[in-house]
Amino acid sequence: MAQQPSAPICWGAGVIDVSSPRTINRILERRGALDAGRRVRRPPPPPGWYLADLSQRRVELDSFDIVEGLTIGRTPATPRLDIDVLNGISLHGGLPGSWPAVCVTAKFTAHCLIAHWRTLGLPRYAQFDNGNVFQGPHQWPDTFGRITRLCLGLGLVPVFAPPREMGFQAAIENFNGRWQAKVWARFRFDSLAGVVAQSDRFISAARQRSALRIESAPARDSFPQGRWSLSECLQKPLAGKVVFLRRSNSQGQISVLGRLFEVDQAWPGRLVRADVELNAGRIRFYALRRREPSRHRLLSSIAYKPPIRAFED
């Protein structure tokens, strides 16, 4: 007897229960079939994780940056004036500072930092980007600019963030946005004096709102008392430590102070902290990983002789 062919399956008739896509996905997830495409999210490292004493809240760090390209006097009645703004904020305490000017130069920056630290005290670290204003000219190797020498003369450790890296300058970048939203975007200005006055009011209010956080931050050192001269500070022999945060290239090399240093061929394209120890005459390179923020493995150490030439004003 010939076997009768089975009737075609019709999903719209004769089927009582059909599993929904959500149920099928839950079954696949329970059996581990979807684990391969899931991104593992790890907790972020603590603030200042790239410096051990800073991440443990034993010391404070001040970050500084420049907001450029602001223009006032856009009407025919008032002349056009381009201004820059030097902003600063502490990492743990959130202590802000802001100084608008026609042009932020290294001399102007040094004047503002001295007034800021003389009033509020010295942090342990001062962090900057790699612009000429902060680091100094880039066309010559082994150049220590005005701001770097000022920090070293006051006993601070200048820290230079890695170029084009996210996260290291997050605090000051966030404050730059706050300043532009609360000061620049809310008011119309006809002169630099108006910008300075409104910025000072904003800084005063911001410090009042952050009073508890500022008080709970690590203690700041006192500014040198008695006779202290900026010119003498700049002419002092280089002493102390300068920190450069860099990312190595494909050969495990990094660029520091206008020179290319061999760090570790087994550490290509990774974060490196270069500690330029001027007193010891050495540069120590440490491996940095956000996944292991408390582990700073020494990669290599080389001899380095700092320049002995005088600072040219």
C-alpha atoms as a PDB file:
ATOM      1  CA  MET A   1       0.000   0.000   0.000  1.00  0.00           C
ATOM      2  CA  ALA A   2       1.495   3.318  -1.074  1.00  0.00           C
ATOM      3  CA  GLN A   3       2.321   5.751   1.714  1.00  0.00           C
ATOM      4  CA  GLN A   4       0.292   8.902   1.603  1.00  0.00           C
ATOM      5  CA  PRO A   5       2.349  12.113   1.497  1.00  0.00           C
ATOM      6  CA  SER A   6       2.154  14.178   4.650  1.00  0.00           C
ATOM      7  CA  ALA A   7       0.164  17.365   4.564  1.00  0.00           C
ATOM      8  CA  PRO A   8       2.169  20.584   4.396  1.00  0.00           C
ATOM      9  CA  ILE A   9       2.653  22.371   7.680  1.00  0.00           C
ATOM     10  CA  CYS A  10       0.523  25.461   8.059  1.00  0.00           C
ATOM     11  CA  TRP A  11       1.716  27.659  10.922  1.00  0.00           C
ATOM     12  CA  GLY A  12      -1.489  29.624  10.937  1.00  0.00           C
ATOM     13  CA  ALA A  13      -3.806  26.655  11.578  1.00  0.00           C
ATOM     14  CA  GLY A  14      -3.698  23.682  13.873  1.00  0.00           C
ATOM     15  CA  VAL A  15      -0.906  25.062  16.034  1.00  0.00           C
ATOM     16  CA  ILE A  16      -1.961  26.114  19.474  1.00  0.00           C
ATOM     17  CA  ASP A  17       1.263  27.472  21.096  1.00  0.00           C
ATOM     18  CA  VAL A  18       4.264  28.960  19.290  1.00  0.00           C
ATOM     19  CA  SER A  19       7.268  30.220  21.265  1.00  0.00           C
ATOM     20  CA  SER A  20       7.821  33.949  20.930  1.00  0.00           C
ATOM     21  CA  PRO A  21      11.220  35.363  19.880  1.00  0.00           C
ATOM     22  CA  ARG A  22      11.792  36.566  23.461  1.00  0.00           C
ATOM     23  CA  THR A  23      11.288  33.021  24.792  1.00  0.00           C
ATOM     24  CA  ILE A  24      13.662  31.589  22.194  1.00  0.00           C
ATOM     25  CA  ASN A  25      16.262  34.221  23.053  1.00  0.00           C
ATOM     26  CA  ARG A  26      15.975  33.434  26.762  1.00  0.00           C
ATOM     27  CA  ILE A  27      16.531  29.717  26.046  1.00  0.00           C
ATOM     28  CA  LEU A  28      19.578  30.488  23.922  1.00  0.00           C
ATOM     29  CA  GLU A  29      20.946  32.860  26.561  1.00  0.00           C
ATOM     30  CA  ARG A  30      20.421  30.285  29.315  1.00  0.00           C
ATOM     31  CA  ARG A  31      22.403  27.723  27.318  1.00  0.00           C
ATOM     32  CA  GLY A  32      25.250  30.191  26.677  1.00  0.00           C
ATOM     33  CA  ALA A  33      24.697  30.581  22.937  1.00  0.00           C
ATOM     34  CA  LEU A  34      24.706  34.399  23.147  1.00  0.00           C
ATOM     35  CA  ASP A  35      27.713  34.905  25.413  1.00  0.00           C
ATOM     36  CA  ALA A  36      30.224  35.347  22.604  1.00  0.00           C
ATOM     37  CA  GLY A  37      28.746  38.651  21.436  1.00  0.00           C
ATOM     38  CA  ARG A  38      28.367  40.259  24.856  1.00  0.00           C
ATOM     39  CA  ARG A  39      30.705  43.082  25.788  1.00  0.00           C
ATOM     40  CA  VAL A  40      32.372  42.757  29.162  1.00  0.00           C
ATOM     41  CA  ARG A  41      32.012  46.012  31.080  1.00  0.00           C
ATOM     42  CA  ARG A  42      34.572  46.535  33.781  1.00  0.00           C
ATOM     43  CA  PRO A  43      34.393  49.171  36.505  1.00  0.00           C
ATOM     44  CA  PRO A  44      36.299  52.374  35.695  1.00  0.00           C
ATOM     45  CA  PRO A  45      39.614  52.997  37.452  1.00  0.00           C
ATOM     46  CA  PRO A  46      39.641  55.451  40.354  1.00  0.00           C
ATOM     47  CA  PRO A  47      40.453  59.118  39.676  1.00  0.00           C
ATOM     48  CA  GLY A  48      44.169  59.657  39.249  1.00  0.00           C
ATOM     49  CA  TRP A  49      44.796  55.910  38.893  1.00  0.00           C
ATOM     50  CA  TYR A  50      48.024  56.498  36.932  1.00  0.00           C
ATOM     51  CA  LEU A  51      49.739  57.925  40.053  1.00  0.00           C
ATOM     52  CA  ALA A  52      49.622  55.715  43.134  1.00  0.00           C
ATOM     53  CA  ASP A  53      49.528  58.374  45.865  1.00  0.00           C
ATOM     54  CA  LEU A  54      46.985  60.403  43.890  1.00  0.00           C
ATOM     55  CA  SER A  55      44.566  57.496  43.420  1.00  0.00           C
ATOM     56  CA  GLN A  56      44.754  56.786  47.166  1.00  0.00           C
ATOM     57  CA  ARG A  57      43.685  60.400  47.903  1.00  0.00           C
ATOM     58  CA  ARG A  58      46.875  61.169  49.807  1.00  0.00           C
ATOM     59  CA  VAL A  59      47.722  64.171  47.589  1.00  0.00           C
ATOM     60  CA  GLU A  60      45.948  66.600  45.263  1.00  0.00           C
ATOM     61  CA  LEU A  61      46.308  67.400  41.556  1.00  0.00           C
ATOM     62  CA  ASP A  62      45.366  70.612  39.727  1.00  0.00           C
ATOM     63  CA  SER A  63      44.505  70.368  36.027  1.00  0.00           C
ATOM     64  CA  PHE A  64      44.770  73.354  33.686  1.00  0.00           C
ATOM     65  CA  ASP A  65      43.618  73.952  30.130  1.00  0.00           C
ATOM     66  CA  ILE A  66      42.934  76.833  27.721  1.00  0.00           C
ATOM     67  CA  VAL A  67      39.614  77.608  26.022  1.00  0.00           C
ATOM     68  CA  GLU A  68      40.361  79.340  22.714  1.00  0.00           C
ATOM     69  CA  GLY A  69      38.408  80.934  19.890  1.00  0.00           C
ATOM     70  CA  LEU A  70      35.958  83.072  21.881  1.00  0.00           C
ATOM     71  CA  THR A  71      34.952  86.395  20.265  1.00  0.00           C
ATOM     72  CA  ILE A  72      33.230  89.478  21.681  1.00  0.00           C
ATOM     73  CA  GLY A  73      32.165  92.693  19.999  1.00  0.00           C
ATOM     74  CA  ARG A  74      30.572  91.166  16.927  1.00  0.00           C
ATOM     75  CA  THR A  75      28.362  94.181  16.220  1.00  0.00           C
ATOM     76  CA  PRO A  76      29.478  97.128  14.055  1.00  0.00           C
ATOM     77  CA  ALA A  77      29.308  99.402  17.094  1.00  0.00           C
ATOM     78  CA  THR A  78      31.947  97.446  19.026  1.00  0.00           C
ATOM     79  CA  PRO A  79      35.266  96.211  17.648  1.00  0.00           C
ATOM     80  CA  ARG A  80      35.902  92.490  17.362  1.00  0.00           C
ATOM     81  CA  LEU A  81      38.047  91.045  20.137  1.00  0.00           C
ATOM     82  CA  ASP A  82      39.264  87.452  20.410  1.00  0.00           C
ATOM     83  CA  ILE A  83      39.873  86.163  23.918  1.00  0.00           C
ATOM     84  CA  ASP A  84      41.194  83.004  25.559  1.00  0.00           C
ATOM     85  CA  VAL A  85      40.392  81.583  28.979  1.00  0.00           C
ATOM     86  CA  LEU A  86      42.773  79.710  31.258  1.00  0.00           C
ATOM     87  CA  ASN A  87      40.781  77.303  33.421  1.00  0.00           C
ATOM     88  CA  GLY A  88      41.860  75.085  36.284  1.00  0.00           C
ATOM     89  CA  ILE A  89      40.261  72.614  38.689  1.00  0.00           C
ATOM     90  CA  SER A  90      41.525  70.206  41.333  1.00  0.00           C
ATOM     91  CA  LEU A  91      40.895  66.487  40.919  1.00  0.00           C
ATOM     92  CA  HIS A  92      39.610  65.485  44.356  1.00  0.00           C
ATOM     93  CA  GLY A  93      38.330  68.761  45.750  1.00  0.00           C
ATOM     94  CA  GLY A  94      36.885  70.294  42.594  1.00  0.00           C
ATOM     95  CA  LEU A  95      38.505  73.642  43.468  1.00  0.00           C
ATOM     96  CA  PRO A  96      38.017  75.828  40.339  1.00  0.00           C
ATOM     97  CA  GLY A  97      39.815  78.826  38.879  1.00  0.00           C
ATOM     98  CA  SER A  98      39.379  80.843  35.698  1.00  0.00           C
ATOM     99  CA  TRP A  99      41.349  83.682  34.100  1.00  0.00           C
ATOM    100  CA  PRO A 100      40.099  85.238  30.825  1.00  0.00           C
ATOM    101  CA  ALA A 101      42.622  87.223  28.759  1.00  0.00           C
ATOM    102  CA  VAL A 102      43.195  88.546  25.279  1.00  0.00           C
ATOM    103  CA  CYS A 103      45.918  85.945  24.818  1.00  0.00           C
ATOM    104  CA  VAL A 104      46.994  83.249  27.270  1.00  0.00           C
ATOM    105  CA  THR A 105      50.787  83.107  27.155  1.00  0.00           C
ATOM    106  CA  ALA A 106      53.291  81.284  29.321  1.00  0.00           C
ATOM    107  CA  LYS A 107      54.029  84.489  31.267  1.00  0.00           C
ATOM    108  CA  PHE A 108      50.333  85.133  31.877  1.00  0.00           C
ATOM    109  CA  THR A 109      49.828  81.497  32.911  1.00  0.00           C
ATOM    110  CA  ALA A 110      52.705  81.660  35.383  1.00  0.00           C
ATOM    111  CA  HIS A 111      51.297  84.866  36.898  1.00  0.00           C
ATOM    112  CA  CYS A 112      47.848  83.247  37.323  1.00  0.00           C
ATOM    113  CA  LEU A 113      49.206  80.017  38.814  1.00  0.00           C
ATOM    114  CA  ILE A 114      51.344  81.898  41.337  1.00  0.00           C
ATOM    115  CA  ALA A 115      48.366  83.992  42.487  1.00  0.00           C
ATOM    116  CA  HIS A 116      46.137  80.899  42.620  1.00  0.00           C
ATOM    117  CA  TRP A 117      48.584  78.778  44.621  1.00  0.00           C
ATOM    118  CA  ARG A 118      49.689  81.624  46.869  1.00  0.00           C
ATOM    119  CA  THR A 119      46.077  82.052  47.995  1.00  0.00           C
ATOM    120  CA  LEU A 120      44.869  78.434  48.112  1.00  0.00           C
ATOM    121  CA  GLY A 121      48.035  76.395  48.640  1.00  0.00           C
ATOM    122  CA  LEU A 122      50.128  74.062  46.517  1.00  0.00           C
ATOM    123  CA  PRO A 123      48.980  70.667  45.220  1.00  0.00           C
ATOM    124  CA  ARG A 124      51.387  67.785  44.762  1.00  0.00           C
ATOM    125  CA  TYR A 125      50.806  67.519  41.001  1.00  0.00           C
ATOM    126  CA  ALA A 126      49.943  70.013  38.265  1.00  0.00           C
ATOM    127  CA  GLN A 127      48.615  68.480  35.048  1.00  0.00           C
ATOM    128  CA  PHE A 128      48.634  70.051  31.581  1.00  0.00           C
ATOM    129  CA  ASP A 129      48.318  69.173  27.930  1.00  0.00           C
ATOM    130  CA  ASN A 130      51.334  69.284  25.634  1.00  0.00           C
ATOM    131  CA  GLY A 131      50.891  72.801  24.226  1.00  0.00           C
ATOM    132  CA  ASN A 132      53.795  75.201  23.967  1.00  0.00           C
ATOM    133  CA  VAL A 133      52.319  77.408  26.685  1.00  0.00           C
ATOM    134  CA  PHE A 134      52.625  74.643  29.277  1.00  0.00           C
ATOM    135  CA  GLN A 135      55.421  72.360  28.102  1.00  0.00           C
ATOM    136  CA  GLY A 136      57.592  74.825  26.223  1.00  0.00           C
ATOM    137  CA  PRO A 137      58.856  74.963  22.624  1.00  0.00           C
ATOM    138  CA  HIS A 138      58.880  71.639  20.782  1.00  0.00           C
ATOM    139  CA  GLN A 139      61.453  72.452  18.104  1.00  0.00           C
ATOM    140  CA  TRP A 140      64.403  71.704  20.413  1.00  0.00           C
ATOM    141  CA  PRO A 141      64.946  68.535  22.452  1.00  0.00           C
ATOM    142  CA  ASP A 142      65.303  68.542  26.229  1.00  0.00           C
ATOM    143  CA  THR A 143      63.316  71.769  26.600  1.00  0.00           C
ATOM    144  CA  PHE A 144      61.831  72.613  29.996  1.00  0.00           C
ATOM    145  CA  GLY A 145      59.544  75.606  29.609  1.00  0.00           C
ATOM    146  CA  ARG A 146      58.540  78.366  31.988  1.00  0.00           C
ATOM    147  CA  ILE A 147      55.589  76.513  33.526  1.00  0.00           C
ATOM    148  CA  THR A 148      57.571  73.298  33.971  1.00  0.00           C
ATOM    149  CA  ARG A 149      60.381  75.185  35.726  1.00  0.00           C
ATOM    150  CA  LEU A 150      57.888  77.069  37.885  1.00  0.00           C
ATOM    151  CA  CYS A 151      56.367  73.805  39.092  1.00  0.00           C
ATOM    152  CA  LEU A 152      59.762  72.245  39.758  1.00  0.00           C
ATOM    153  CA  GLY A 153      60.930  75.350  41.609  1.00  0.00           C
ATOM    154  CA  LEU A 154      57.883  75.183  43.881  1.00  0.00           C
ATOM    155  CA  GLY A 155      58.344  71.468  44.550  1.00  0.00           C
ATOM    156  CA  LEU A 156      55.432  70.339  42.388  1.00  0.00           C
ATOM    157  CA  VAL A 157      55.462  67.477  39.897  1.00  0.00           C
ATOM    158  CA  PRO A 158      54.262  68.610  36.443  1.00  0.00           C
ATOM    159  CA  VAL A 159      52.272  65.923  34.613  1.00  0.00           C
ATOM    160  CA  PHE A 160      51.688  66.021  30.859  1.00  0.00           C
ATOM    161  CA  ALA A 161      48.693  64.090  29.574  1.00  0.00           C
ATOM    162  CA  PRO A 162      49.029  61.816  26.530  1.00  0.00           C
ATOM    163  CA  PRO A 163      48.096  63.442  23.213  1.00  0.00           C
ATOM    164  CA  ARG A 164      44.671  62.596  21.830  1.00  0.00           C
ATOM    165  CA  GLU A 165      43.722  60.363  24.765  1.00  0.00           C
ATOM    166  CA  MET A 166      40.339  60.405  26.469  1.00  0.00           C
ATOM    167  CA  GLY A 167      39.885  60.398  30.218  1.00  0.00           C
ATOM    168  CA  PHE A 168      43.085  61.907  31.568  1.00  0.00           C
ATOM    169  CA  GLN A 169      41.835  65.478  31.081  1.00  0.00           C
ATOM    170  CA  ALA A 170      38.176  64.656  31.800  1.00  0.00           C
ATOM    171  CA  ALA A 171      37.930  66.864  34.905  1.00  0.00           C
ATOM    172  CA  ILE A 172      39.199  70.028  33.253  1.00  0.00           C
ATOM    173  CA  GLU A 173      37.327  69.355  30.001  1.00  0.00           C
ATOM    174  CA  ASN A 174      34.117  69.019  31.994  1.00  0.00           C
ATOM    175  CA  PHE A 175      34.846  72.286  33.770  1.00  0.00           C
ATOM    176  CA  ASN A 176      35.539  73.998  30.447  1.00  0.00           C
ATOM    177  CA  GLY A 177      32.054  72.987  29.354  1.00  0.00           C
ATOM    178  CA  ARG A 178      30.541  74.266  32.600  1.00  0.00           C
ATOM    179  CA  TRP A 179      32.296  77.607  32.251  1.00  0.00           C
ATOM    180  CA  GLN A 180      31.108  78.085  28.691  1.00  0.00           C
ATOM    181  CA  ALA A 181      27.538  77.101  29.597  1.00  0.00           C
ATOM    182  CA  LYS A 182      27.270  79.227  32.762  1.00  0.00           C
ATOM    183  CA  VAL A 183      29.311  82.267  31.717  1.00  0.00           C
ATOM    184  CA  TRP A 184      29.847  82.531  27.992  1.00  0.00           C
ATOM    185  CA  ALA A 185      26.490  81.244  26.709  1.00  0.00           C
ATOM    186  CA  ARG A 186      24.285  83.086  29.224  1.00  0.00           C
ATOM    187  CA  PHE A 187      25.488  86.659  28.814  1.00  0.00           C
ATOM    188  CA  ARG A 188      26.502  89.110  26.124  1.00  0.00           C
ATOM    189  CA  PHE A 189      29.788  90.907  26.631  1.00  0.00           C
ATOM    190  CA  ASP A 190      31.128  94.109  25.137  1.00  0.00           C
ATOM    191  CA  SER A 191      34.569  94.062  26.760  1.00  0.00           C
ATOM    192  CA  LEU A 192      37.083  91.780  28.380  1.00  0.00           C
ATOM    193  CA  ALA A 193      36.394  93.393  31.761  1.00  0.00           C
ATOM    194  CA  GLY A 194      32.803  92.177  31.584  1.00  0.00           C
ATOM    195  CA  VAL A 195      33.951  88.613  30.917  1.00  0.00           C
ATOM    196  CA  VAL A 196      36.384  88.751  33.833  1.00  0.00           C
ATOM    197  CA  ALA A 197      33.745  90.104  36.223  1.00  0.00           C
ATOM    198  CA  GLN A 198      31.158  87.474  35.293  1.00  0.00           C
ATOM    199  CA  SER A 199      33.747  84.696  35.412  1.00  0.00           C
ATOM    200  CA  ASP A 200      34.819  85.772  38.900  1.00  0.00           C
ATOM    201  CA  ARG A 201      31.199  85.649  40.084  1.00  0.00           C
ATOM    202  CA  PHE A 202      30.816  82.151  38.657  1.00  0.00           C
ATOM    203  CA  ILE A 203      34.027  80.932  40.323  1.00  0.00           C
ATOM    204  CA  SER A 204      32.929  82.359  43.681  1.00  0.00           C
ATOM    205  CA  ALA A 205      29.549  80.626  43.443  1.00  0.00           C
ATOM    206  CA  ALA A 206      31.140  77.351  42.294  1.00  0.00           C
ATOM    207  CA  ARG A 207      33.506  77.340  45.269  1.00  0.00           C
ATOM    208  CA  GLN A 208      30.604  77.916  47.659  1.00  0.00           C
ATOM    209  CA  ARG A 209      28.640  75.024  46.165  1.00  0.00           C
ATOM    210  CA  SER A 210      31.687  72.738  46.396  1.00  0.00           C
ATOM    211  CA  ALA A 211      32.710  73.839  49.879  1.00  0.00           C
ATOM    212  CA  LEU A 212      32.203  70.415  51.495  1.00  0.00           C
ATOM    213  CA  ARG A 213      34.059  68.624  48.735  1.00  0.00           C
ATOM    214  CA  ILE A 214      36.906  71.128  48.866  1.00  0.00           C
ATOM    215  CA  GLU A 215      37.227  70.737  52.639  1.00  0.00           C
ATOM    216  CA  SER A 216      37.320  66.924  52.379  1.00  0.00           C
ATOM    217  CA  ALA A 217      40.073  66.952  49.739  1.00  0.00           C
ATOM    218  CA  PRO A 218      43.707  66.141  50.612  1.00  0.00           C
ATOM    219  CA  ALA A 219      45.596  68.952  52.320  1.00  0.00           C
ATOM    220  CA  ARG A 220      47.546  71.399  50.179  1.00  0.00           C
ATOM    221  CA  ASP A 221      51.046  72.630  50.999  1.00  0.00           C
ATOM    222  CA  SER A 222      51.823  76.242  51.848  1.00  0.00           C
ATOM    223  CA  PHE A 223      53.295  78.569  49.272  1.00  0.00           C
ATOM    224  CA  PRO A 224      56.920  79.558  50.077  1.00  0.00           C
ATOM    225  CA  GLN A 225      56.973  82.310  52.656  1.00  0.00           C
ATOM    226  CA  GLY A 226      59.324  85.249  52.834  1.00  0.00           C
ATOM    227  CA  ARG A 227      61.425  86.377  49.921  1.00  0.00           C
ATOM    228  CA  TRP A 228      60.489  84.447  46.805  1.00  0.00           C
ATOM    229  CA  SER A 229      61.255  85.520  43.241  1.00  0.00           C
ATOM    230  CA  LEU A 230      59.923  84.043  40.014  1.00  0.00           C
ATOM    231  CA  SER A 231      63.112  84.933  38.136  1.00  0.00           C
ATOM    232  CA  GLU A 232      65.233  83.095  40.703  1.00  0.00           C
ATOM    233  CA  CYS A 233      62.840  80.146  40.572  1.00  0.00           C
ATOM    234  CA  LEU A 234      63.173  79.898  36.792  1.00  0.00           C
ATOM    235  CA  GLN A 235      66.976  80.010  36.931  1.00  0.00           C
ATOM    236  CA  LYS A 236      67.328  77.265  39.521  1.00  0.00           C
ATOM    237  CA  PRO A 237      69.114  74.080  38.412  1.00  0.00           C
ATOM    238  CA  LEU A 238      66.576  71.489  37.303  1.00  0.00           C
ATOM    239  CA  ALA A 239      65.606  69.232  40.198  1.00  0.00           C
ATOM    240  CA  GLY A 240      62.611  67.086  41.053  1.00  0.00           C
ATOM    241  CA  LYS A 241      60.463  64.938  38.787  1.00  0.00           C
ATOM    242  CA  VAL A 242      58.460  65.440  35.589  1.00  0.00           C
ATOM    243  CA  VAL A 243      55.847  62.888  34.500  1.00  0.00           C
ATOM    244  CA  PHE A 244      54.892  62.225  30.885  1.00  0.00           C
ATOM    245  CA  LEU A 245      51.942  59.990  30.012  1.00  0.00           C
ATOM    246  CA  ARG A 246      52.361  58.515  26.550  1.00  0.00           C
ATOM    247  CA  ARG A 247      51.196  55.670  24.309  1.00  0.00           C
ATOM    248  CA  SER A 248      53.922  53.562  22.722  1.00  0.00           C
ATOM    249  CA  ASN A 249      54.124  53.018  18.964  1.00  0.00           C
ATOM    250  CA  SER A 250      54.131  49.686  17.156  1.00  0.00           C
ATOM    251  CA  GLN A 251      57.824  49.151  18.027  1.00  0.00           C
ATOM    252  CA  GLY A 252      57.333  49.844  21.740  1.00  0.00           C
ATOM    253  CA  GLN A 253      58.868  53.337  21.596  1.00  0.00           C
ATOM    254  CA  ILE A 254      57.606  56.612  23.070  1.00  0.00           C
ATOM    255  CA  SER A 255      58.471  60.247  22.415  1.00  0.00           C
ATOM    256  CA  VAL A 256      59.470  62.318  25.446  1.00  0.00           C
ATOM    257  CA  LEU A 257      61.235  65.698  25.491  1.00  0.00           C
ATOM    258  CA  GLY A 258      61.724  65.633  21.739  1.00  0.00           C
ATOM    259  CA  ARG A 259      63.513  62.266  21.825  1.00  0.00           C
ATOM    260  CA  LEU A 260      62.444  58.735  20.916  1.00  0.00           C
ATOM    261  CA  PHE A 261      63.109  56.178  23.658  1.00  0.00           C
ATOM    262  CA  GLU A 262      63.076  52.387  23.422  1.00  0.00           C
ATOM    263  CA  VAL A 263      60.737  51.148  26.135  1.00  0.00           C
ATOM    264  CA  ASP A 264      59.673  47.551  25.507  1.00  0.00           C
ATOM    265  CA  GLN A 265      58.985  45.769  22.210  1.00  0.00           C
ATOM    266  CA  ALA A 266      56.495  43.560  24.048  1.00  0.00           C
ATOM    267  CA  TRP A 267      54.434  46.629  25.007  1.00  0.00           C
ATOM    268  CA  PRO A 268      53.332  48.134  21.648  1.00  0.00           C
ATOM    269  CA  GLY A 269      50.427  50.563  21.410  1.00  0.00           C
ATOM    270  CA  ARG A 270      50.014  50.644  25.193  1.00  0.00           C
ATOM    271  CA  LEU A 271      49.981  53.339  27.854  1.00  0.00           C
ATOM    272  CA  VAL A 272      53.304  54.221  29.451  1.00  0.00           C
ATOM    273  CA  ARG A 273      54.212  56.578  32.292  1.00  0.00           C
ATOM    274  CA  ALA A 274      57.660  58.120  31.961  1.00  0.00           C
ATOM    275  CA  ASP A 275      59.075  59.495  35.228  1.00  0.00           C
ATOM    276  CA  VAL A 276      61.930  61.893  34.451  1.00  0.00           C
ATOM    277  CA  GLU A 277      63.873  61.893  37.731  1.00  0.00           C
ATOM    278  CA  LEU A 278      66.149  64.903  37.385  1.00  0.00           C
ATOM    279  CA  ASN A 279      68.035  64.426  40.661  1.00  0.00           C
ATOM    280  CA  ALA A 280      68.830  60.787  39.924  1.00  0.00           C
ATOM    281  CA  GLY A 281      69.520  61.397  36.237  1.00  0.00           C
ATOM    282  CA  ARG A 282      67.216  58.604  35.054  1.00  0.00           C
ATOM    283  CA  ILE A 283      63.956  58.049  33.210  1.00  0.00           C
ATOM    284  CA  ARG A 284      61.829  55.154  34.437  1.00  0.00           C
ATOM    285  CA  PHE A 285      59.085  53.781  32.201  1.00  0.00           C
ATOM    286  CA  TYR A 286      56.052  52.109  33.789  1.00  0.00           C
ATOM    287  CA  ALA A 287      53.313  50.085  32.127  1.00  0.00           C
ATOM    288  CA  LEU A 288      49.779  51.372  32.715  1.00  0.00           C
ATOM    289  CA  ARG A 289      46.575  49.377  32.284  1.00  0.00           C
ATOM    290  CA  ARG A 290      43.090  50.583  33.137  1.00  0.00           C
ATOM    291  CA  ARG A 291      42.150  46.967  33.817  1.00  0.00           C
ATOM    292  CA  GLU A 292      44.809  46.850  36.538  1.00  0.00           C
ATOM    293  CA  PRO A 293      44.927  50.432  37.847  1.00  0.00           C
ATOM    294  CA  SER A 294      46.945  49.643  40.975  1.00  0.00           C
ATOM    295  CA  ARG A 295      49.724  47.773  39.163  1.00  0.00           C
ATOM    296  CA  HIS A 296      52.429  49.941  37.598  1.00  0.00           C
ATOM    297  CA  ARG A 297      55.039  47.524  36.288  1.00  0.00           C
ATOM    298  CA  LEU A 298      58.518  48.876  35.579  1.00  0.00           C
ATOM    299  CA  LEU A 299      59.327  48.285  31.915  1.00  0.00           C
ATOM    300  CA  SER A 300      62.786  49.813  31.647  1.00  0.00           C
ATOM    301  CA  SER A 301      65.082  52.468  33.058  1.00  0.00           C
ATOM    302  CA  ILE A 302      67.662  54.543  31.203  1.00  0.00           C
ATOM    303  CA  ALA A 303      70.194  57.195  32.161  1.00  0.00           C
ATOM    304  CA  TYR A 304      69.252  60.767  31.321  1.00  0.00           C
ATOM    305  CA  LYS A 305      71.341  63.895  31.771  1.00  0.00           C
ATOM    306  CA  PRO A 306      69.171  67.007  32.107  1.00  0.00           C
ATOM    307  CA  PRO A 307      70.324  70.191  30.379  1.00  0.00           C
ATOM    308  CA  ILE A 308      72.365  72.637  32.443  1.00  0.00           C
ATOM    309  CA  ARG A 309      71.774  75.688  30.266  1.00  0.00           C
ATOM    310  CA  ALA A 310      70.125  78.718  31.856  1.00  0.00           C
ATOM    311  CA  PHE A 311      66.530  79.588  31.148  1.00  0.00           C
ATOM    312  CA  GLU A 312      66.156  82.279  28.503  1.00  0.00           C
ATOM    313  CA  ASP A 313      63.293  84.631  29.236  1.00  0.00           C
END
